[in-house]
Amino acid sequence: MELIGAIWRKSTRSAQTECVEVADNLRGVVGVRDSKDPTGPALTFAPHTWRTFIKYAKRR
């Protein structure tokens, strides 16, 4: 899936050199990629799946 128009942002909790970027501005998909390799592969999730993951991660 191409993420054309994705606006990538880094987590405020990421380390300087090891960051994850998320694009949640697209309809129907959330993209996640390694900031050190912006032209490399990205994982994609359904928005409800991503929200469930974030809720779980915040509890840890």
Protein backbone atom coordinates (compact mmCIF):
# COMPACT_ATOMS: atom_id res chain seq x y z
CA MET A 1 0.00 0.00 0.00
CA GLU A 2 1.36 3.41 -0.91
CA LEU A 3 1.12 6.08 1.72
CA ILE A 4 0.88 9.04 -0.66
CA GLY A 5 0.11 12.21 1.26
CA ALA A 6 1.26 10.78 4.58
CA ILE A 7 2.40 13.33 7.12
CA TRP A 8 4.97 11.60 9.31
CA ARG A 9 5.61 12.58 12.92
CA LYS A 10 8.01 11.25 15.51
CA SER A 11 6.97 10.15 18.94
CA THR A 12 7.86 12.65 21.63
CA ARG A 13 9.14 9.69 23.66
CA SER A 14 11.52 8.35 21.02
CA ALA A 15 15.26 8.47 21.48
CA GLN A 16 17.15 10.82 19.16
CA THR A 17 18.67 8.12 16.96
CA GLU A 18 16.08 5.37 17.27
CA CYS A 19 12.72 6.83 16.33
CA VAL A 20 9.46 5.50 15.08
CA GLU A 21 7.35 7.74 12.88
CA VAL A 22 3.59 7.51 12.54
CA ALA A 23 1.32 8.86 9.81
CA ASP A 24 -2.26 8.97 11.02
CA ASN A 25 -3.62 11.62 8.67
CA LEU A 26 -4.76 9.21 5.95
CA ARG A 27 -8.27 7.85 5.67
CA GLY A 28 -8.56 4.19 6.64
CA VAL A 29 -4.90 3.49 7.40
CA VAL A 30 -2.15 4.33 9.90
CA GLY A 31 1.45 4.03 8.72
CA VAL A 32 4.44 3.28 10.95
CA ARG A 33 8.07 3.44 9.80
CA ASP A 34 11.65 3.67 11.03
CA SER A 35 12.80 7.30 10.89
CA LYS A 36 16.34 6.20 10.01
CA ASP A 37 15.01 4.68 6.76
CA PRO A 38 12.25 7.00 5.50
CA THR A 39 12.24 5.49 2.02
CA GLY A 40 12.16 1.96 3.36
CA PRO A 41 9.15 -0.19 4.19
CA ALA A 42 6.32 0.91 6.44
CA LEU A 43 3.86 -1.13 8.42
CA THR A 44 0.18 -0.29 7.98
CA PHE A 45 -2.65 -0.79 10.41
CA ALA A 46 -6.37 -0.23 10.41
CA PRO A 47 -7.12 2.81 12.59
CA HIS A 48 -9.05 0.78 15.19
CA THR A 49 -6.16 -1.69 15.46
CA TRP A 50 -3.68 1.17 15.98
CA ARG A 51 -5.90 2.75 18.66
CA THR A 52 -6.11 -0.60 20.47
CA PHE A 53 -2.32 -0.96 20.38
CA ILE A 54 -1.81 2.59 21.73
CA LYS A 55 -4.29 2.02 24.57
CA TYR A 56 -2.46 -1.18 25.53
CA ALA A 57 0.99 0.45 25.27
CA LYS A 58 -0.04 3.36 27.50
CA ARG A 59 -0.96 0.92 30.26
CA ARG A 60 2.57 -0.57 30.28
